[in-house]
Amino acid sequence: GHQSAQPLSSQVAAAASDEVPAAANDEVPEAANDQVPEAVSADVPCQLRMGGALHKSGFRRSDVSSNFSGPWEIVGEDSQILLVRLSPGEEVMVEPGGMLTKKSTTQATLDMGSCTNAIKRSCCAGESCFRVIWKPADADVVSITPYFPSKVLPIDLNKYSNGLFIKRKAWMASLARDTEFEVVTAPSLSTACCAGQGCFFTAVKGSGMAFLNVGGTVVERELEVGEQLVLDDTSLVAWEPTVQLDTVRAGGMGVMCCGGQGLFNAVLTG
């Protein structure tokens, strides 16, 4: 599948070419005397526990998510499904066509937000004019699927008071109806033409959890002030407004013509 990256906070993420299971937490213990600890999880390779390439690169994997005690859960491996537990009076907002299963008593309504926002979403953000609101009459678990076989990436919008830039058509669902899209013009002509995000950046704002559909393995990285990261221009999924997106030449004439990276790469600056 297409490899993807998710830069968050002064954070940014780039693509990983191999699937690397995530560790149980952000800390990566090192084995003493080159010995592998006896108590290890079967799904965490020892090279990751001992400080493997992913950890040393400054990235962390962000596409392995379960929330068994909360209102949502992500299941599956390469092609994932979002399960949302709803009680009467609760609702979930989904892109059109996203519902997979539900009870017969759970009904849908359409929402556009304002007409201006609907036009922005449709013309500039690659989204539909409409959002589907699923609301149950009694307790239900609504399953939601991306529009293409992909991972589901949870985003807590409460952490991003200034919003979050996302790739076109990446939004999949939100647990709060106040999720809104804004459109920001690319800062330069080179960024608009060559950074892989088009002439307009899509910013998502709101509260609670939102979910993106992302192809491939997803990793994220925090950038220090002034730190730069060069990445393939099609692999960027999300980044904060504090991160500047620009372009850089892929290399010399030979690399630009025959290196397979195109003429430009995207560059992110913290």
C-alpha atoms as a PDB file:
ATOM      1  CA  GLY A   1       0.000   0.000   0.000  1.00  0.00           C
ATOM      2  CA  HIS A   2       0.958   3.604  -0.256  1.00  0.00           C
ATOM      3  CA  GLN A   3       3.330   4.615   2.527  1.00  0.00           C
ATOM      4  CA  SER A   4       2.257   7.595   4.573  1.00  0.00           C
ATOM      5  CA  ALA A   5       3.574  10.038   7.114  1.00  0.00           C
ATOM      6  CA  GLN A   6       1.933  12.081   9.768  1.00  0.00           C
ATOM      7  CA  PRO A   7       3.675  15.162  11.178  1.00  0.00           C
ATOM      8  CA  LEU A   8       1.988  16.306  14.360  1.00  0.00           C
ATOM      9  CA  SER A   9       2.597  19.121  16.791  1.00  0.00           C
ATOM     10  CA  SER A  10       5.789  20.859  15.891  1.00  0.00           C
ATOM     11  CA  GLN A  11       5.487  17.337  14.843  1.00  0.00           C
ATOM     12  CA  VAL A  12       5.808  15.803  11.529  1.00  0.00           C
ATOM     13  CA  ALA A  13       5.899  12.321  10.213  1.00  0.00           C
ATOM     14  CA  ALA A  14       7.436  10.687   7.220  1.00  0.00           C
ATOM     15  CA  ALA A  15       6.916   7.379   5.509  1.00  0.00           C
ATOM     16  CA  ALA A  16       8.398   4.118   6.642  1.00  0.00           C
ATOM     17  CA  SER A  17       9.137   1.551   4.000  1.00  0.00           C
ATOM     18  CA  ASP A  18       8.729  -1.463   6.286  1.00  0.00           C
ATOM     19  CA  GLU A  19       6.055  -2.466   8.764  1.00  0.00           C
ATOM     20  CA  VAL A  20       7.481  -2.210  12.284  1.00  0.00           C
ATOM     21  CA  PRO A  21       5.117  -3.133  15.150  1.00  0.00           C
ATOM     22  CA  ALA A  22       4.768  -0.482  17.809  1.00  0.00           C
ATOM     23  CA  ALA A  23       6.185  -0.870  21.286  1.00  0.00           C
ATOM     24  CA  ALA A  24       3.797  -0.863  24.229  1.00  0.00           C
ATOM     25  CA  ASN A  25       4.819   2.665  25.193  1.00  0.00           C
ATOM     26  CA  ASP A  26       7.085   5.468  24.057  1.00  0.00           C
ATOM     27  CA  GLU A  27      10.051   4.262  26.100  1.00  0.00           C
ATOM     28  CA  VAL A  28      12.327   1.718  24.479  1.00  0.00           C
ATOM     29  CA  PRO A  29      14.203  -0.296  27.123  1.00  0.00           C
ATOM     30  CA  GLU A  30      17.719  -1.424  26.435  1.00  0.00           C
ATOM     31  CA  ALA A  31      18.793  -4.926  27.320  1.00  0.00           C
ATOM     32  CA  ALA A  32      21.596  -5.188  29.864  1.00  0.00           C
ATOM     33  CA  ASN A  33      24.726  -7.056  28.840  1.00  0.00           C
ATOM     34  CA  ASP A  34      23.244  -7.641  25.379  1.00  0.00           C
ATOM     35  CA  GLN A  35      20.707 -10.010  26.899  1.00  0.00           C
ATOM     36  CA  VAL A  36      17.117  -9.950  25.707  1.00  0.00           C
ATOM     37  CA  PRO A  37      14.768  -9.448  28.678  1.00  0.00           C
ATOM     38  CA  GLU A  38      12.931 -12.606  29.664  1.00  0.00           C
ATOM     39  CA  ALA A  39       9.512 -10.978  29.833  1.00  0.00           C
ATOM     40  CA  VAL A  40       8.882  -9.829  26.303  1.00  0.00           C
ATOM     41  CA  SER A  41       5.781  -9.343  24.222  1.00  0.00           C
ATOM     42  CA  ALA A  42       5.526 -11.714  21.271  1.00  0.00           C
ATOM     43  CA  ASP A  43       4.536  -8.933  18.906  1.00  0.00           C
ATOM     44  CA  VAL A  44       7.488  -6.614  19.676  1.00  0.00           C
ATOM     45  CA  PRO A  45      10.737  -7.579  17.911  1.00  0.00           C
ATOM     46  CA  CYS A  46      13.837  -7.514  20.088  1.00  0.00           C
ATOM     47  CA  GLN A  47      15.602  -5.034  17.805  1.00  0.00           C
ATOM     48  CA  LEU A  48      12.880  -2.493  18.609  1.00  0.00           C
ATOM     49  CA  ARG A  49      13.056  -3.184  22.355  1.00  0.00           C
ATOM     50  CA  MET A  50      16.820  -2.696  22.258  1.00  0.00           C
ATOM     51  CA  GLY A  51      16.654   0.616  20.395  1.00  0.00           C
ATOM     52  CA  GLY A  52      16.152  -0.271  16.723  1.00  0.00           C
ATOM     53  CA  ALA A  53      16.323   1.923  13.644  1.00  0.00           C
ATOM     54  CA  LEU A  54      12.794   3.303  14.039  1.00  0.00           C
ATOM     55  CA  HIS A  55      13.483   4.522  17.576  1.00  0.00           C
ATOM     56  CA  LYS A  56      16.907   5.933  16.726  1.00  0.00           C
ATOM     57  CA  SER A  57      15.500   7.818  13.708  1.00  0.00           C
ATOM     58  CA  GLY A  58      13.350   9.965  16.009  1.00  0.00           C
ATOM     59  CA  PHE A  59      10.118   8.556  14.624  1.00  0.00           C
ATOM     60  CA  ARG A  60       7.436   6.652  16.473  1.00  0.00           C
ATOM     61  CA  ARG A  61       4.718   4.541  14.976  1.00  0.00           C
ATOM     62  CA  SER A  62       1.217   5.967  15.284  1.00  0.00           C
ATOM     63  CA  ASP A  63      -1.093   3.666  13.322  1.00  0.00           C
ATOM     64  CA  VAL A  64      -1.552   0.899  15.922  1.00  0.00           C
ATOM     65  CA  SER A  65      -4.540   1.922  18.027  1.00  0.00           C
ATOM     66  CA  SER A  66      -6.991   0.218  20.306  1.00  0.00           C
ATOM     67  CA  ASN A  67      -9.181   1.832  22.934  1.00  0.00           C
ATOM     68  CA  PHE A  68     -10.896  -1.147  24.496  1.00  0.00           C
ATOM     69  CA  SER A  69     -12.279   0.744  27.500  1.00  0.00           C
ATOM     70  CA  GLY A  70     -13.425   3.813  25.562  1.00  0.00           C
ATOM     71  CA  PRO A  71     -16.176   4.577  23.058  1.00  0.00           C
ATOM     72  CA  TRP A  72     -14.203   3.524  19.984  1.00  0.00           C
ATOM     73  CA  GLU A  73     -11.936   0.739  18.806  1.00  0.00           C
ATOM     74  CA  ILE A  74      -9.893   0.142  15.654  1.00  0.00           C
ATOM     75  CA  VAL A  75      -9.687  -3.451  14.437  1.00  0.00           C
ATOM     76  CA  GLY A  76      -7.822  -5.122  11.609  1.00  0.00           C
ATOM     77  CA  GLU A  77      -4.290  -4.972  10.264  1.00  0.00           C
ATOM     78  CA  ASP A  78      -3.706  -3.591   6.767  1.00  0.00           C
ATOM     79  CA  SER A  79      -7.386  -2.819   6.096  1.00  0.00           C
ATOM     80  CA  GLN A  80      -8.904  -1.519   9.315  1.00  0.00           C
ATOM     81  CA  ILE A  81     -12.406  -0.807  10.589  1.00  0.00           C
ATOM     82  CA  LEU A  82     -13.503   1.751  13.167  1.00  0.00           C
ATOM     83  CA  LEU A  83     -16.062   0.576  15.752  1.00  0.00           C
ATOM     84  CA  VAL A  84     -17.915   3.296  17.659  1.00  0.00           C
ATOM     85  CA  ARG A  85     -20.018   2.452  20.721  1.00  0.00           C
ATOM     86  CA  LEU A  86     -23.030   4.756  20.909  1.00  0.00           C
ATOM     87  CA  SER A  87     -25.637   5.198  23.622  1.00  0.00           C
ATOM     88  CA  PRO A  88     -29.021   6.861  23.030  1.00  0.00           C
ATOM     89  CA  GLY A  89     -28.463  10.556  22.419  1.00  0.00           C
ATOM     90  CA  GLU A  90     -24.882  10.085  21.195  1.00  0.00           C
ATOM     91  CA  GLU A  91     -23.871  10.318  17.544  1.00  0.00           C
ATOM     92  CA  VAL A  92     -20.987   9.905  15.123  1.00  0.00           C
ATOM     93  CA  MET A  93     -20.362  12.005  12.022  1.00  0.00           C
ATOM     94  CA  VAL A  94     -19.102  10.055   9.005  1.00  0.00           C
ATOM     95  CA  GLU A  95     -18.154  10.748   5.398  1.00  0.00           C
ATOM     96  CA  PRO A  96     -20.884   9.571   2.956  1.00  0.00           C
ATOM     97  CA  GLY A  97     -20.658   5.844   2.254  1.00  0.00           C
ATOM     98  CA  GLY A  98     -18.591   5.097   5.353  1.00  0.00           C
ATOM     99  CA  MET A  99     -21.115   3.032   7.330  1.00  0.00           C
ATOM    100  CA  LEU A 100     -20.429  -0.712   7.293  1.00  0.00           C
ATOM    101  CA  THR A 101     -22.837  -2.160   9.896  1.00  0.00           C
ATOM    102  CA  LYS A 102     -25.408  -0.868  12.409  1.00  0.00           C
ATOM    103  CA  LYS A 103     -28.684  -1.789  14.072  1.00  0.00           C
ATOM    104  CA  SER A 104     -31.909  -1.166  12.203  1.00  0.00           C
ATOM    105  CA  THR A 105     -32.919   1.323  14.918  1.00  0.00           C
ATOM    106  CA  THR A 106     -29.886   3.540  14.258  1.00  0.00           C
ATOM    107  CA  GLN A 107     -30.917   6.214  11.791  1.00  0.00           C
ATOM    108  CA  ALA A 108     -28.995   8.686   9.648  1.00  0.00           C
ATOM    109  CA  THR A 109     -29.455  12.384   8.979  1.00  0.00           C
ATOM    110  CA  LEU A 110     -27.530  14.647   6.617  1.00  0.00           C
ATOM    111  CA  ASP A 111     -25.580  17.686   7.723  1.00  0.00           C
ATOM    112  CA  MET A 112     -23.878  20.356   5.602  1.00  0.00           C
ATOM    113  CA  GLY A 113     -22.809  22.833   8.242  1.00  0.00           C
ATOM    114  CA  SER A 114     -22.999  26.226   6.619  1.00  0.00           C
ATOM    115  CA  CYS A 115     -23.340  26.531   2.848  1.00  0.00           C
ATOM    116  CA  THR A 116     -19.958  28.299   2.704  1.00  0.00           C
ATOM    117  CA  ASN A 117     -18.205  25.482   4.549  1.00  0.00           C
ATOM    118  CA  ALA A 118     -19.914  22.893   2.350  1.00  0.00           C
ATOM    119  CA  ILE A 119     -18.620  24.606  -0.783  1.00  0.00           C
ATOM    120  CA  LYS A 120     -15.118  24.875   0.689  1.00  0.00           C
ATOM    121  CA  ARG A 121     -15.097  21.185   1.588  1.00  0.00           C
ATOM    122  CA  SER A 122     -16.315  20.154  -1.838  1.00  0.00           C
ATOM    123  CA  CYS A 123     -14.288  22.479  -4.070  1.00  0.00           C
ATOM    124  CA  CYS A 124     -11.039  22.922  -2.149  1.00  0.00           C
ATOM    125  CA  ALA A 125     -10.699  20.164   0.451  1.00  0.00           C
ATOM    126  CA  GLY A 126     -11.697  17.161  -1.659  1.00  0.00           C
ATOM    127  CA  GLU A 127     -14.509  16.266   0.753  1.00  0.00           C
ATOM    128  CA  SER A 128     -18.246  15.867   0.170  1.00  0.00           C
ATOM    129  CA  CYS A 129     -20.704  18.706   0.719  1.00  0.00           C
ATOM    130  CA  PHE A 130     -22.514  16.439   3.152  1.00  0.00           C
ATOM    131  CA  ARG A 131     -21.679  14.595   6.364  1.00  0.00           C
ATOM    132  CA  VAL A 132     -23.820  11.681   7.590  1.00  0.00           C
ATOM    133  CA  ILE A 133     -24.847  11.733  11.257  1.00  0.00           C
ATOM    134  CA  TRP A 134     -25.623   8.299  12.731  1.00  0.00           C
ATOM    135  CA  LYS A 135     -27.685   8.372  15.932  1.00  0.00           C
ATOM    136  CA  PRO A 136     -29.045   5.246  17.695  1.00  0.00           C
ATOM    137  CA  ALA A 137     -32.411   4.806  19.371  1.00  0.00           C
ATOM    138  CA  ASP A 138     -30.801   2.349  21.770  1.00  0.00           C
ATOM    139  CA  ALA A 139     -27.220   1.234  22.459  1.00  0.00           C
ATOM    140  CA  ASP A 140     -25.409   0.257  19.264  1.00  0.00           C
ATOM    141  CA  VAL A 141     -21.952  -0.304  17.822  1.00  0.00           C
ATOM    142  CA  VAL A 142     -21.631   1.362  14.427  1.00  0.00           C
ATOM    143  CA  SER A 143     -18.800   0.060  12.272  1.00  0.00           C
ATOM    144  CA  ILE A 144     -17.209   2.471   9.813  1.00  0.00           C
ATOM    145  CA  THR A 145     -14.851   1.662   6.977  1.00  0.00           C
ATOM    146  CA  PRO A 146     -12.545   3.871   4.872  1.00  0.00           C
ATOM    147  CA  TYR A 147     -13.433   4.377   1.220  1.00  0.00           C
ATOM    148  CA  PHE A 148     -10.308   2.392   0.219  1.00  0.00           C
ATOM    149  CA  PRO A 149      -8.423  -0.417   2.029  1.00  0.00           C
ATOM    150  CA  SER A 150      -6.359   1.528   4.553  1.00  0.00           C
ATOM    151  CA  LYS A 151      -5.380   2.154   8.157  1.00  0.00           C
ATOM    152  CA  VAL A 152      -7.537   4.267  10.468  1.00  0.00           C
ATOM    153  CA  LEU A 153      -5.599   7.024  12.235  1.00  0.00           C
ATOM    154  CA  PRO A 154      -7.143   8.557  15.411  1.00  0.00           C
ATOM    155  CA  ILE A 155      -6.529  12.264  16.048  1.00  0.00           C
ATOM    156  CA  ASP A 156      -7.462  14.031  19.296  1.00  0.00           C
ATOM    157  CA  LEU A 157      -8.474  17.491  18.063  1.00  0.00           C
ATOM    158  CA  ASN A 158      -8.468  18.833  21.624  1.00  0.00           C
ATOM    159  CA  LYS A 159      -4.658  18.799  21.407  1.00  0.00           C
ATOM    160  CA  TYR A 160      -4.635  21.100  18.386  1.00  0.00           C
ATOM    161  CA  SER A 161      -6.313  24.370  19.295  1.00  0.00           C
ATOM    162  CA  ASN A 162      -5.022  25.961  16.085  1.00  0.00           C
ATOM    163  CA  GLY A 163      -6.281  23.085  13.975  1.00  0.00           C
ATOM    164  CA  LEU A 164      -4.374  20.519  11.973  1.00  0.00           C
ATOM    165  CA  PHE A 165      -3.559  20.445   8.280  1.00  0.00           C
ATOM    166  CA  ILE A 166      -4.515  17.125   6.689  1.00  0.00           C
ATOM    167  CA  LYS A 167      -4.167  15.561   3.274  1.00  0.00           C
ATOM    168  CA  ARG A 168      -7.083  15.948   0.872  1.00  0.00           C
ATOM    169  CA  LYS A 169      -9.783  13.284   1.338  1.00  0.00           C
ATOM    170  CA  ALA A 170      -8.095  11.965   4.490  1.00  0.00           C
ATOM    171  CA  TRP A 171     -10.994  12.702   6.863  1.00  0.00           C
ATOM    172  CA  MET A 172     -13.189   9.712   7.651  1.00  0.00           C
ATOM    173  CA  ALA A 173     -15.242  10.322  10.825  1.00  0.00           C
ATOM    174  CA  SER A 174     -15.568  12.411  13.993  1.00  0.00           C
ATOM    175  CA  LEU A 175     -17.200  11.779  17.352  1.00  0.00           C
ATOM    176  CA  ALA A 176     -18.225  15.450  17.638  1.00  0.00           C
ATOM    177  CA  ARG A 177     -20.390  17.348  15.189  1.00  0.00           C
ATOM    178  CA  ASP A 178     -18.365  20.567  15.571  1.00  0.00           C
ATOM    179  CA  THR A 179     -15.591  19.263  13.282  1.00  0.00           C
ATOM    180  CA  GLU A 180     -15.146  21.880  10.569  1.00  0.00           C
ATOM    181  CA  PHE A 181     -12.866  22.308   7.586  1.00  0.00           C
ATOM    182  CA  GLU A 182     -11.049  25.459   6.626  1.00  0.00           C
ATOM    183  CA  VAL A 183      -9.103  26.120   3.452  1.00  0.00           C
ATOM    184  CA  VAL A 184      -5.748  27.930   3.488  1.00  0.00           C
ATOM    185  CA  THR A 185      -3.960  29.026   0.331  1.00  0.00           C
ATOM    186  CA  ALA A 186      -0.500  27.498  -0.142  1.00  0.00           C
ATOM    187  CA  PRO A 187       2.195  30.008   0.921  1.00  0.00           C
ATOM    188  CA  SER A 188       4.058  30.022  -2.394  1.00  0.00           C
ATOM    189  CA  LEU A 189       3.695  28.994  -6.016  1.00  0.00           C
ATOM    190  CA  SER A 190       6.370  26.297  -5.670  1.00  0.00           C
ATOM    191  CA  THR A 191       4.590  24.808  -2.645  1.00  0.00           C
ATOM    192  CA  ALA A 192       1.250  24.883  -4.452  1.00  0.00           C
ATOM    193  CA  CYS A 193       2.653  23.163  -7.551  1.00  0.00           C
ATOM    194  CA  CYS A 194       5.308  20.814  -6.138  1.00  0.00           C
ATOM    195  CA  ALA A 195       4.677  19.986  -2.450  1.00  0.00           C
ATOM    196  CA  GLY A 196       1.992  17.383  -3.153  1.00  0.00           C
ATOM    197  CA  GLN A 197      -0.834  19.181  -1.302  1.00  0.00           C
ATOM    198  CA  GLY A 198      -2.233  21.313  -4.104  1.00  0.00           C
ATOM    199  CA  CYS A 199      -3.024  25.025  -4.176  1.00  0.00           C
ATOM    200  CA  PHE A 200      -5.021  24.839  -0.939  1.00  0.00           C
ATOM    201  CA  PHE A 201      -4.254  23.238   2.414  1.00  0.00           C
ATOM    202  CA  THR A 202      -7.123  21.575   4.275  1.00  0.00           C
ATOM    203  CA  ALA A 203      -7.297  22.463   7.971  1.00  0.00           C
ATOM    204  CA  VAL A 204      -9.550  20.504  10.318  1.00  0.00           C
ATOM    205  CA  LYS A 205     -10.708  22.025  13.619  1.00  0.00           C
ATOM    206  CA  GLY A 206     -13.034  20.968  16.386  1.00  0.00           C
ATOM    207  CA  SER A 207     -13.132  18.942  19.570  1.00  0.00           C
ATOM    208  CA  GLY A 208     -12.947  15.287  20.507  1.00  0.00           C
ATOM    209  CA  MET A 209     -11.698  12.463  18.333  1.00  0.00           C
ATOM    210  CA  ALA A 210     -11.460  12.576  14.557  1.00  0.00           C
ATOM    211  CA  PHE A 211     -10.337   9.695  12.358  1.00  0.00           C
ATOM    212  CA  LEU A 212      -8.354   9.748   9.117  1.00  0.00           C
ATOM    213  CA  ASN A 213      -7.970   7.008   6.493  1.00  0.00           C
ATOM    214  CA  VAL A 214      -4.319   6.498   5.599  1.00  0.00           C
ATOM    215  CA  GLY A 215      -2.664   3.999   3.259  1.00  0.00           C
ATOM    216  CA  GLY A 216       0.429   2.151   4.497  1.00  0.00           C
ATOM    217  CA  THR A 217       2.459   2.303   7.691  1.00  0.00           C
ATOM    218  CA  VAL A 218       2.164   5.590   9.592  1.00  0.00           C
ATOM    219  CA  VAL A 219       4.933   7.110  11.685  1.00  0.00           C
ATOM    220  CA  GLU A 220       5.216  10.531  13.273  1.00  0.00           C
ATOM    221  CA  ARG A 221       8.032  12.764  14.426  1.00  0.00           C
ATOM    222  CA  GLU A 222       8.423  15.946  16.446  1.00  0.00           C
ATOM    223  CA  LEU A 223      10.606  18.629  14.892  1.00  0.00           C
ATOM    224  CA  GLU A 224      12.726  20.999  16.921  1.00  0.00           C
ATOM    225  CA  VAL A 225      12.583  24.690  16.045  1.00  0.00           C
ATOM    226  CA  GLY A 226      14.455  25.121  12.753  1.00  0.00           C
ATOM    227  CA  GLU A 227      14.884  21.371  12.231  1.00  0.00           C
ATOM    228  CA  GLN A 228      14.098  20.190   8.713  1.00  0.00           C
ATOM    229  CA  LEU A 229      12.813  16.903   7.356  1.00  0.00           C
ATOM    230  CA  VAL A 230      12.759  16.028   3.654  1.00  0.00           C
ATOM    231  CA  LEU A 231      10.138  13.517   2.557  1.00  0.00           C
ATOM    232  CA  ASP A 232       8.372  12.227  -0.522  1.00  0.00           C
ATOM    233  CA  ASP A 233       5.718  14.772  -1.444  1.00  0.00           C
ATOM    234  CA  THR A 234       2.915  12.192  -1.654  1.00  0.00           C
ATOM    235  CA  SER A 235       3.547  10.715   1.805  1.00  0.00           C
ATOM    236  CA  LEU A 236       2.551  13.611   4.047  1.00  0.00           C
ATOM    237  CA  VAL A 237      -0.715  12.995   5.925  1.00  0.00           C
ATOM    238  CA  ALA A 238      -0.980  15.695   8.609  1.00  0.00           C
ATOM    239  CA  TRP A 239       1.035  18.530  10.111  1.00  0.00           C
ATOM    240  CA  GLU A 240       0.509  21.401  12.515  1.00  0.00           C
ATOM    241  CA  PRO A 241       0.343  25.032  11.375  1.00  0.00           C
ATOM    242  CA  THR A 242       3.591  25.646  13.318  1.00  0.00           C
ATOM    243  CA  VAL A 243       5.353  23.438  10.772  1.00  0.00           C
ATOM    244  CA  GLN A 244       6.291  25.138   7.508  1.00  0.00           C
ATOM    245  CA  LEU A 245       5.815  23.131   4.307  1.00  0.00           C
ATOM    246  CA  ASP A 246       8.072  23.973   1.365  1.00  0.00           C
ATOM    247  CA  THR A 247       9.871  22.198  -1.487  1.00  0.00           C
ATOM    248  CA  VAL A 248      13.460  21.324  -2.340  1.00  0.00           C
ATOM    249  CA  ARG A 249      14.986  19.943  -5.519  1.00  0.00           C
ATOM    250  CA  ALA A 250      15.263  16.174  -5.485  1.00  0.00           C
ATOM    251  CA  GLY A 251      18.908  16.387  -6.503  1.00  0.00           C
ATOM    252  CA  GLY A 252      21.005  16.981  -9.574  1.00  0.00           C
ATOM    253  CA  MET A 253      19.716  16.721 -13.121  1.00  0.00           C
ATOM    254  CA  GLY A 254      20.354  12.973 -13.287  1.00  0.00           C
ATOM    255  CA  VAL A 255      18.501  12.312 -10.030  1.00  0.00           C
ATOM    256  CA  MET A 256      15.635  14.604 -11.017  1.00  0.00           C
ATOM    257  CA  CYS A 257      15.213  12.826 -14.348  1.00  0.00           C
ATOM    258  CA  CYS A 258      15.961   9.223 -13.411  1.00  0.00           C
ATOM    259  CA  GLY A 259      15.945   8.935  -9.603  1.00  0.00           C
ATOM    260  CA  GLY A 260      12.250   8.159  -9.320  1.00  0.00           C
ATOM    261  CA  GLN A 261      11.572  10.986  -6.836  1.00  0.00           C
ATOM    262  CA  GLY A 262      10.374  13.526  -9.371  1.00  0.00           C
ATOM    263  CA  LEU A 263      11.734  17.048  -9.652  1.00  0.00           C
ATOM    264  CA  PHE A 264      11.004  18.108  -6.049  1.00  0.00           C
ATOM    265  CA  ASN A 265      10.615  16.699  -2.572  1.00  0.00           C
ATOM    266  CA  ALA A 266       8.618  18.221   0.246  1.00  0.00           C
ATOM    267  CA  VAL A 267      10.563  19.744   3.143  1.00  0.00           C
ATOM    268  CA  LEU A 268       9.090  20.414   6.587  1.00  0.00           C
ATOM    269  CA  THR A 269      10.637  22.943   8.973  1.00  0.00           C
ATOM    270  CA  GLY A 270       9.801  23.005  12.675  1.00  0.00           C
END
